[in-house]
Protein backbone atom coordinates (compact mmCIF):
# COMPACT_ATOMS: atom_id res chain seq x y z
CA UNK A 1 0.00 0.00 0.00
CA UNK A 2 2.97 2.27 0.63
CA UNK A 3 3.81 2.20 -3.08
CA UNK A 4 0.29 3.29 -4.10
CA UNK A 5 0.55 6.23 -1.71
CA UNK A 6 3.81 7.20 -3.44
CA UNK A 7 2.08 7.10 -6.84
CA UNK A 8 -0.97 9.02 -5.60
CA UNK A 9 1.19 11.69 -3.98
CA UNK A 10 2.90 12.28 -7.36
CA UNK A 11 -0.39 13.78 -8.64
CA UNK A 12 0.58 17.30 -7.66
CA UNK A 13 0.89 20.53 -9.61
CA UNK A 14 0.48 19.88 -13.30
CA UNK A 15 1.07 16.11 -13.05
CA UNK A 16 -1.98 14.33 -14.47
CA UNK A 17 -0.72 10.74 -14.46
CA UNK A 18 1.82 8.80 -12.41
CA UNK A 19 2.95 5.22 -13.03
CA UNK A 20 5.18 3.06 -10.83
CA UNK A 21 6.72 0.04 -12.54
CA UNK A 22 7.39 -3.25 -10.79
CA UNK A 23 11.08 -2.24 -10.96
CA UNK A 24 10.28 0.78 -8.79
CA UNK A 25 10.67 3.37 -11.57
CA UNK A 26 8.27 6.30 -11.33
CA UNK A 27 7.06 7.93 -14.55
CA UNK A 28 4.92 11.08 -14.43
CA UNK A 29 3.26 13.10 -17.15
CA UNK A 30 1.45 16.40 -17.37
CA UNK A 31 -0.21 15.53 -20.69
CA UNK A 32 -3.99 15.42 -20.80
CA UNK A 33 -6.42 12.63 -21.60
CA UNK A 34 -5.15 9.24 -22.70
CA UNK A 35 -1.87 10.70 -24.04
CA UNK A 36 0.35 9.56 -21.12
CA UNK A 37 -0.89 5.96 -21.36
CA UNK A 38 -0.74 5.88 -25.18
CA UNK A 39 2.81 7.24 -25.05
CA UNK A 40 4.05 4.57 -22.63
CA UNK A 41 2.24 1.81 -24.53
CA UNK A 42 3.98 2.94 -27.73
CA UNK A 43 7.48 3.41 -26.28
CA UNK A 44 7.83 0.95 -23.38
CA UNK A 45 4.76 -1.32 -23.03
CA UNK A 46 6.48 -3.60 -20.49
CA UNK A 47 6.79 -0.63 -18.12
CA UNK A 48 3.09 -0.89 -17.33
CA UNK A 49 2.96 -4.67 -16.74
CA UNK A 50 2.14 -5.03 -13.06
CA UNK A 51 2.41 -1.25 -12.53
CA UNK A 52 0.55 0.94 -10.09
CA UNK A 53 -1.14 3.90 -11.79
CA UNK A 54 -2.67 7.10 -10.44
CA UNK A 55 -4.53 9.46 -12.78
CA UNK A 56 -6.69 12.52 -12.39
CA UNK A 57 -9.39 11.34 -14.85
CA UNK A 58 -10.11 7.80 -16.07
CA UNK A 59 -12.73 7.12 -18.71
CA UNK A 60 -13.41 3.84 -20.45
CA UNK A 61 -10.74 4.57 -23.11
CA UNK A 62 -8.02 4.91 -20.47
CA UNK A 63 -9.38 1.92 -18.57
CA UNK A 64 -9.20 -0.27 -21.67
CA UNK A 65 -5.63 0.85 -22.36
CA UNK A 66 -4.62 0.09 -18.77
CA UNK A 67 -6.16 -3.39 -18.96
CA UNK A 68 -4.32 -3.97 -22.25
CA UNK A 69 -1.11 -2.86 -20.54
CA UNK A 70 -1.60 -5.29 -17.66
CA UNK A 71 -1.48 -2.87 -14.73
CA UNK A 72 -1.84 -4.18 -11.18
CA UNK A 73 -3.82 -1.40 -9.49
CA UNK A 74 -5.34 2.01 -10.23
CA UNK A 75 -6.25 5.16 -8.34
CA UNK A 76 -8.39 7.80 -10.08
CA UNK A 77 -9.51 11.14 -8.76
CA UNK A 78 -12.47 10.96 -11.18
CA UNK A 79 -13.63 7.80 -12.95
CA UNK A 80 -16.53 7.22 -15.30
CA UNK A 81 -19.09 4.54 -14.49
CA UNK A 82 -18.17 2.82 -17.79
CA UNK A 83 -14.49 2.70 -16.77
CA UNK A 84 -15.27 1.50 -13.24
CA UNK A 85 -17.38 -1.39 -14.53
CA UNK A 86 -14.79 -2.37 -17.17
CA UNK A 87 -11.97 -2.44 -14.62
CA UNK A 88 -14.05 -4.45 -12.15
CA UNK A 89 -14.85 -7.06 -14.83
CA UNK A 90 -11.10 -7.35 -15.47
CA UNK A 91 -10.30 -7.64 -11.74
CA UNK A 92 -8.18 -4.50 -11.54
CA UNK A 93 -8.26 -3.12 -7.98
CA UNK A 94 -9.39 0.50 -8.10
CA UNK A 95 -9.85 3.32 -5.65
CA UNK A 96 -11.31 6.65 -6.61
CA UNK A 97 -12.60 9.91 -5.21
CA UNK A 98 -15.57 10.47 -7.51
CA UNK A 99 -17.63 8.46 -10.03
CA UNK A 100 -19.33 10.28 -12.90
CA UNK A 101 -21.73 8.89 -15.54
CA UNK A 102 -19.19 9.64 -18.31
CA UNK A 103 -16.17 11.78 -18.99
CA UNK A 104 -17.05 15.20 -20.42
CA UNK A 105 -15.19 16.55 -23.45
CA UNK A 106 -12.89 19.57 -23.14
CA UNK A 107 -15.56 21.95 -24.44
CA UNK A 108 -17.87 20.74 -21.67
CA UNK A 109 -20.78 20.08 -24.03
CA UNK A 110 -20.78 16.30 -24.45
CA UNK A 111 -18.99 13.01 -23.95
CA UNK A 112 -15.22 12.76 -24.35
CA UNK A 113 -14.52 11.58 -27.92
CA UNK A 114 -12.15 8.88 -26.65
CA UNK A 115 -14.75 7.41 -24.31
CA UNK A 116 -17.38 7.62 -27.07
CA UNK A 117 -15.03 5.77 -29.45
CA UNK A 118 -14.79 2.69 -27.20
CA UNK A 119 -18.10 2.87 -25.34
CA UNK A 120 -19.54 -0.30 -26.90
CA UNK A 121 -16.22 -2.17 -27.24
CA UNK A 122 -15.04 -5.07 -25.11
CA UNK A 123 -11.80 -6.12 -26.84
CA UNK A 124 -8.81 -4.10 -25.60
CA UNK A 125 -6.74 -4.69 -28.75
CA UNK A 126 -9.53 -3.44 -31.00
CA UNK A 127 -9.99 -0.46 -28.68
CA UNK A 128 -6.27 0.36 -28.87
CA UNK A 129 -6.40 0.48 -32.68
CA UNK A 130 -9.63 2.52 -32.64
CA UNK A 131 -8.08 4.99 -30.20
CA UNK A 132 -4.89 5.32 -32.26
CA UNK A 133 -7.07 6.11 -35.27
CA UNK A 134 -9.19 8.61 -33.31
CA UNK A 135 -6.10 10.41 -32.00
CA UNK A 136 -4.68 10.63 -35.54
CA UNK A 137 -8.04 11.93 -36.83
CA UNK A 138 -8.22 14.64 -34.13
CA UNK A 139 -4.58 15.66 -34.66
CA UNK A 140 -5.24 16.05 -38.40
CA UNK A 141 -7.96 18.64 -37.73
C-alpha atoms as a PDB file:
ATOM      1  CA  UNK A   1       0.000   0.000   0.000  1.00  0.00           C
ATOM      2  CA  UNK A   2       2.971   2.273   0.630  1.00  0.00           C
ATOM      3  CA  UNK A   3       3.810   2.205  -3.080  1.00  0.00           C
ATOM      4  CA  UNK A   4       0.293   3.291  -4.103  1.00  0.00           C
ATOM      5  CA  UNK A   5       0.547   6.232  -1.706  1.00  0.00           C
ATOM      6  CA  UNK A   6       3.813   7.204  -3.439  1.00  0.00           C
ATOM      7  CA  UNK A   7       2.083   7.098  -6.840  1.00  0.00           C
ATOM      8  CA  UNK A   8      -0.967   9.015  -5.603  1.00  0.00           C
ATOM      9  CA  UNK A   9       1.192  11.691  -3.984  1.00  0.00           C
ATOM     10  CA  UNK A  10       2.897  12.279  -7.357  1.00  0.00           C
ATOM     11  CA  UNK A  11      -0.395  13.782  -8.643  1.00  0.00           C
ATOM     12  CA  UNK A  12       0.582  17.304  -7.658  1.00  0.00           C
ATOM     13  CA  UNK A  13       0.893  20.531  -9.608  1.00  0.00           C
ATOM     14  CA  UNK A  14       0.477  19.884 -13.299  1.00  0.00           C
ATOM     15  CA  UNK A  15       1.072  16.106 -13.050  1.00  0.00           C
ATOM     16  CA  UNK A  16      -1.982  14.332 -14.467  1.00  0.00           C
ATOM     17  CA  UNK A  17      -0.719  10.744 -14.455  1.00  0.00           C
ATOM     18  CA  UNK A  18       1.822   8.802 -12.412  1.00  0.00           C
ATOM     19  CA  UNK A  19       2.950   5.224 -13.027  1.00  0.00           C
ATOM     20  CA  UNK A  20       5.175   3.062 -10.833  1.00  0.00           C
ATOM     21  CA  UNK A  21       6.719   0.042 -12.537  1.00  0.00           C
ATOM     22  CA  UNK A  22       7.395  -3.253 -10.788  1.00  0.00           C
ATOM     23  CA  UNK A  23      11.083  -2.245 -10.962  1.00  0.00           C
ATOM     24  CA  UNK A  24      10.282   0.782  -8.790  1.00  0.00           C
ATOM     25  CA  UNK A  25      10.675   3.369 -11.565  1.00  0.00           C
ATOM     26  CA  UNK A  26       8.271   6.304 -11.333  1.00  0.00           C
ATOM     27  CA  UNK A  27       7.056   7.935 -14.549  1.00  0.00           C
ATOM     28  CA  UNK A  28       4.924  11.076 -14.435  1.00  0.00           C
ATOM     29  CA  UNK A  29       3.259  13.097 -17.151  1.00  0.00           C
ATOM     30  CA  UNK A  30       1.447  16.404 -17.373  1.00  0.00           C
ATOM     31  CA  UNK A  31      -0.211  15.534 -20.689  1.00  0.00           C
ATOM     32  CA  UNK A  32      -3.994  15.421 -20.797  1.00  0.00           C
ATOM     33  CA  UNK A  33      -6.418  12.629 -21.601  1.00  0.00           C
ATOM     34  CA  UNK A  34      -5.147   9.236 -22.705  1.00  0.00           C
ATOM     35  CA  UNK A  35      -1.868  10.704 -24.041  1.00  0.00           C
ATOM     36  CA  UNK A  36       0.353   9.561 -21.117  1.00  0.00           C
ATOM     37  CA  UNK A  37      -0.890   5.965 -21.357  1.00  0.00           C
ATOM     38  CA  UNK A  38      -0.741   5.877 -25.177  1.00  0.00           C
ATOM     39  CA  UNK A  39       2.806   7.235 -25.051  1.00  0.00           C
ATOM     40  CA  UNK A  40       4.055   4.567 -22.628  1.00  0.00           C
ATOM     41  CA  UNK A  41       2.242   1.805 -24.533  1.00  0.00           C
ATOM     42  CA  UNK A  42       3.979   2.936 -27.725  1.00  0.00           C
ATOM     43  CA  UNK A  43       7.479   3.414 -26.281  1.00  0.00           C
ATOM     44  CA  UNK A  44       7.827   0.946 -23.376  1.00  0.00           C
ATOM     45  CA  UNK A  45       4.760  -1.318 -23.028  1.00  0.00           C
ATOM     46  CA  UNK A  46       6.481  -3.597 -20.494  1.00  0.00           C
ATOM     47  CA  UNK A  47       6.788  -0.626 -18.120  1.00  0.00           C
ATOM     48  CA  UNK A  48       3.085  -0.894 -17.325  1.00  0.00           C
ATOM     49  CA  UNK A  49       2.957  -4.666 -16.742  1.00  0.00           C
ATOM     50  CA  UNK A  50       2.138  -5.028 -13.060  1.00  0.00           C
ATOM     51  CA  UNK A  51       2.408  -1.250 -12.534  1.00  0.00           C
ATOM     52  CA  UNK A  52       0.553   0.942 -10.089  1.00  0.00           C
ATOM     53  CA  UNK A  53      -1.139   3.901 -11.788  1.00  0.00           C
ATOM     54  CA  UNK A  54      -2.669   7.101 -10.443  1.00  0.00           C
ATOM     55  CA  UNK A  55      -4.531   9.458 -12.775  1.00  0.00           C
ATOM     56  CA  UNK A  56      -6.693  12.518 -12.392  1.00  0.00           C
ATOM     57  CA  UNK A  57      -9.393  11.339 -14.851  1.00  0.00           C
ATOM     58  CA  UNK A  58     -10.107   7.799 -16.068  1.00  0.00           C
ATOM     59  CA  UNK A  59     -12.731   7.119 -18.713  1.00  0.00           C
ATOM     60  CA  UNK A  60     -13.407   3.840 -20.453  1.00  0.00           C
ATOM     61  CA  UNK A  61     -10.745   4.573 -23.109  1.00  0.00           C
ATOM     62  CA  UNK A  62      -8.021   4.914 -20.474  1.00  0.00           C
ATOM     63  CA  UNK A  63      -9.384   1.917 -18.565  1.00  0.00           C
ATOM     64  CA  UNK A  64      -9.199  -0.272 -21.665  1.00  0.00           C
ATOM     65  CA  UNK A  65      -5.627   0.849 -22.355  1.00  0.00           C
ATOM     66  CA  UNK A  66      -4.624   0.088 -18.771  1.00  0.00           C
ATOM     67  CA  UNK A  67      -6.162  -3.389 -18.963  1.00  0.00           C
ATOM     68  CA  UNK A  68      -4.322  -3.973 -22.251  1.00  0.00           C
ATOM     69  CA  UNK A  69      -1.109  -2.856 -20.544  1.00  0.00           C
ATOM     70  CA  UNK A  70      -1.602  -5.290 -17.665  1.00  0.00           C
ATOM     71  CA  UNK A  71      -1.477  -2.869 -14.729  1.00  0.00           C
ATOM     72  CA  UNK A  72      -1.840  -4.179 -11.184  1.00  0.00           C
ATOM     73  CA  UNK A  73      -3.818  -1.403  -9.485  1.00  0.00           C
ATOM     74  CA  UNK A  74      -5.342   2.012 -10.226  1.00  0.00           C
ATOM     75  CA  UNK A  75      -6.250   5.164  -8.338  1.00  0.00           C
ATOM     76  CA  UNK A  76      -8.388   7.800 -10.083  1.00  0.00           C
ATOM     77  CA  UNK A  77      -9.509  11.144  -8.762  1.00  0.00           C
ATOM     78  CA  UNK A  78     -12.475  10.964 -11.176  1.00  0.00           C
ATOM     79  CA  UNK A  79     -13.634   7.802 -12.947  1.00  0.00           C
ATOM     80  CA  UNK A  80     -16.531   7.216 -15.298  1.00  0.00           C
ATOM     81  CA  UNK A  81     -19.087   4.541 -14.488  1.00  0.00           C
ATOM     82  CA  UNK A  82     -18.166   2.819 -17.794  1.00  0.00           C
ATOM     83  CA  UNK A  83     -14.494   2.696 -16.768  1.00  0.00           C
ATOM     84  CA  UNK A  84     -15.266   1.498 -13.243  1.00  0.00           C
ATOM     85  CA  UNK A  85     -17.379  -1.388 -14.527  1.00  0.00           C
ATOM     86  CA  UNK A  86     -14.792  -2.368 -17.167  1.00  0.00           C
ATOM     87  CA  UNK A  87     -11.970  -2.438 -14.620  1.00  0.00           C
ATOM     88  CA  UNK A  88     -14.047  -4.454 -12.152  1.00  0.00           C
ATOM     89  CA  UNK A  89     -14.853  -7.055 -14.834  1.00  0.00           C
ATOM     90  CA  UNK A  90     -11.104  -7.349 -15.467  1.00  0.00           C
ATOM     91  CA  UNK A  91     -10.295  -7.644 -11.739  1.00  0.00           C
ATOM     92  CA  UNK A  92      -8.178  -4.497 -11.535  1.00  0.00           C
ATOM     93  CA  UNK A  93      -8.259  -3.123  -7.980  1.00  0.00           C
ATOM     94  CA  UNK A  94      -9.387   0.505  -8.104  1.00  0.00           C
ATOM     95  CA  UNK A  95      -9.849   3.321  -5.653  1.00  0.00           C
ATOM     96  CA  UNK A  96     -11.314   6.653  -6.612  1.00  0.00           C
ATOM     97  CA  UNK A  97     -12.598   9.910  -5.207  1.00  0.00           C
ATOM     98  CA  UNK A  98     -15.570  10.471  -7.509  1.00  0.00           C
ATOM     99  CA  UNK A  99     -17.626   8.455 -10.030  1.00  0.00           C
ATOM    100  CA  UNK A 100     -19.332  10.280 -12.898  1.00  0.00           C
ATOM    101  CA  UNK A 101     -21.731   8.892 -15.542  1.00  0.00           C
ATOM    102  CA  UNK A 102     -19.194   9.637 -18.306  1.00  0.00           C
ATOM    103  CA  UNK A 103     -16.169  11.784 -18.987  1.00  0.00           C
ATOM    104  CA  UNK A 104     -17.046  15.197 -20.420  1.00  0.00           C
ATOM    105  CA  UNK A 105     -15.192  16.555 -23.454  1.00  0.00           C
ATOM    106  CA  UNK A 106     -12.889  19.568 -23.138  1.00  0.00           C
ATOM    107  CA  UNK A 107     -15.559  21.950 -24.439  1.00  0.00           C
ATOM    108  CA  UNK A 108     -17.874  20.742 -21.675  1.00  0.00           C
ATOM    109  CA  UNK A 109     -20.781  20.080 -24.034  1.00  0.00           C
ATOM    110  CA  UNK A 110     -20.778  16.302 -24.451  1.00  0.00           C
ATOM    111  CA  UNK A 111     -18.992  13.006 -23.953  1.00  0.00           C
ATOM    112  CA  UNK A 112     -15.222  12.763 -24.348  1.00  0.00           C
ATOM    113  CA  UNK A 113     -14.524  11.585 -27.917  1.00  0.00           C
ATOM    114  CA  UNK A 114     -12.149   8.880 -26.655  1.00  0.00           C
ATOM    115  CA  UNK A 115     -14.746   7.414 -24.310  1.00  0.00           C
ATOM    116  CA  UNK A 116     -17.377   7.624 -27.065  1.00  0.00           C
ATOM    117  CA  UNK A 117     -15.033   5.770 -29.449  1.00  0.00           C
ATOM    118  CA  UNK A 118     -14.792   2.692 -27.198  1.00  0.00           C
ATOM    119  CA  UNK A 119     -18.102   2.870 -25.343  1.00  0.00           C
ATOM    120  CA  UNK A 120     -19.542  -0.300 -26.900  1.00  0.00           C
ATOM    121  CA  UNK A 121     -16.219  -2.167 -27.237  1.00  0.00           C
ATOM    122  CA  UNK A 122     -15.043  -5.072 -25.108  1.00  0.00           C
ATOM    123  CA  UNK A 123     -11.795  -6.117 -26.841  1.00  0.00           C
ATOM    124  CA  UNK A 124      -8.810  -4.099 -25.600  1.00  0.00           C
ATOM    125  CA  UNK A 125      -6.737  -4.691 -28.747  1.00  0.00           C
ATOM    126  CA  UNK A 126      -9.528  -3.436 -31.004  1.00  0.00           C
ATOM    127  CA  UNK A 127      -9.994  -0.464 -28.684  1.00  0.00           C
ATOM    128  CA  UNK A 128      -6.268   0.357 -28.874  1.00  0.00           C
ATOM    129  CA  UNK A 129      -6.397   0.480 -32.682  1.00  0.00           C
ATOM    130  CA  UNK A 130      -9.625   2.519 -32.642  1.00  0.00           C
ATOM    131  CA  UNK A 131      -8.078   4.993 -30.197  1.00  0.00           C
ATOM    132  CA  UNK A 132      -4.890   5.320 -32.264  1.00  0.00           C
ATOM    133  CA  UNK A 133      -7.071   6.115 -35.274  1.00  0.00           C
ATOM    134  CA  UNK A 134      -9.188   8.610 -33.305  1.00  0.00           C
ATOM    135  CA  UNK A 135      -6.095  10.410 -31.997  1.00  0.00           C
ATOM    136  CA  UNK A 136      -4.682  10.627 -35.540  1.00  0.00           C
ATOM    137  CA  UNK A 137      -8.035  11.932 -36.827  1.00  0.00           C
ATOM    138  CA  UNK A 138      -8.216  14.636 -34.133  1.00  0.00           C
ATOM    139  CA  UNK A 139      -4.582  15.659 -34.659  1.00  0.00           C
ATOM    140  CA  UNK A 140      -5.240  16.050 -38.398  1.00  0.00           C
ATOM    141  CA  UNK A 141      -7.960  18.641 -37.726  1.00  0.00           C
END
